[in-house]
Amino acid sequence: MKVTKLVSTCDIKDCPTIYATDRGTLLVQGETPTDHGLQIPSHETVVEIPEELVLDLIRKGLRGA
């Protein structure tokens, strides 16, 4: 899978980031919250990212900059 960084909150590898793949999907890197109260299937997960990250992606366009 080819992964391209679209938008991030910083230039360090451990910050919330949104990536595009060559499969037509997005990967989201963020904190794993434990207090969400959701029932997530064992083969899935949920991550938390700042709203500003999504707004920045929208401003830059889906393919980032």
Protein backbone atom coordinates (compact mmCIF):
# COMPACT_ATOMS: atom_id res chain seq x y z
CA MET A 1 0.00 0.00 0.00
CA LYS A 2 1.32 3.44 -0.92
CA VAL A 3 0.65 6.08 1.77
CA THR A 4 0.87 9.85 1.31
CA LYS A 5 0.69 12.36 4.18
CA LEU A 6 -2.08 14.88 3.52
CA VAL A 7 -2.14 17.00 6.67
CA SER A 8 -0.59 16.89 10.14
CA THR A 9 -0.46 18.97 13.28
CA CYS A 10 3.34 18.87 13.25
CA ASP A 11 6.39 17.47 11.46
CA ILE A 12 7.18 14.83 14.11
CA LYS A 13 6.06 11.24 13.55
CA ASP A 14 3.81 10.98 16.63
CA CYS A 15 1.28 13.75 15.90
CA PRO A 16 -2.30 13.48 14.62
CA THR A 17 -2.06 13.01 10.86
CA ILE A 18 -4.35 12.12 7.94
CA TYR A 19 -2.91 10.05 5.08
CA ALA A 20 -4.27 9.01 1.67
CA THR A 21 -3.65 5.54 0.26
CA ASP A 22 -3.46 4.25 -3.28
CA ARG A 23 -6.55 2.18 -2.42
CA GLY A 24 -8.77 5.27 -2.36
CA THR A 25 -8.94 5.27 1.45
CA LEU A 26 -7.72 7.49 4.28
CA LEU A 27 -5.62 6.51 7.28
CA VAL A 28 -5.94 8.55 10.48
CA GLN A 29 -3.21 8.67 13.11
CA GLY A 30 -4.24 9.93 16.53
CA GLU A 31 -4.64 9.14 20.20
CA THR A 32 -6.55 6.00 21.19
CA PRO A 33 -9.18 7.14 23.69
CA THR A 34 -10.31 4.69 26.36
CA ASP A 35 -13.27 6.61 27.77
CA HIS A 36 -15.52 6.79 24.67
CA GLY A 37 -18.12 4.27 25.84
CA LEU A 38 -18.55 2.88 22.30
CA GLN A 39 -18.77 -0.81 21.45
CA ILE A 40 -16.18 -1.19 18.70
CA PRO A 41 -15.74 -4.58 16.97
CA SER A 42 -12.46 -6.28 17.84
CA HIS A 43 -11.18 -5.90 14.24
CA GLU A 44 -11.68 -2.09 14.33
CA THR A 45 -10.42 0.80 16.42
CA VAL A 46 -11.23 4.43 17.03
CA VAL A 47 -8.77 7.33 17.19
CA GLU A 48 -9.18 10.91 18.35
CA ILE A 49 -7.87 13.84 16.31
CA PRO A 50 -8.28 17.60 16.71
CA GLU A 51 -11.09 19.26 14.71
CA GLU A 52 -8.53 21.70 13.30
CA LEU A 53 -6.82 18.81 11.48
CA VAL A 54 -9.97 18.05 9.46
CA LEU A 55 -10.63 21.74 8.81
CA ASP A 56 -7.05 22.13 7.56
CA LEU A 57 -7.54 19.17 5.21
CA ILE A 58 -10.73 20.74 3.84
CA ARG A 59 -8.96 24.06 3.29
CA LYS A 60 -6.10 22.34 1.45
CA GLY A 61 -8.37 20.02 -0.53
CA LEU A 62 -8.69 16.26 -0.17
CA ARG A 63 -5.31 15.61 -1.76
CA GLY A 64 -3.50 17.90 0.70
CA ALA A 65 -0.62 20.17 -0.08
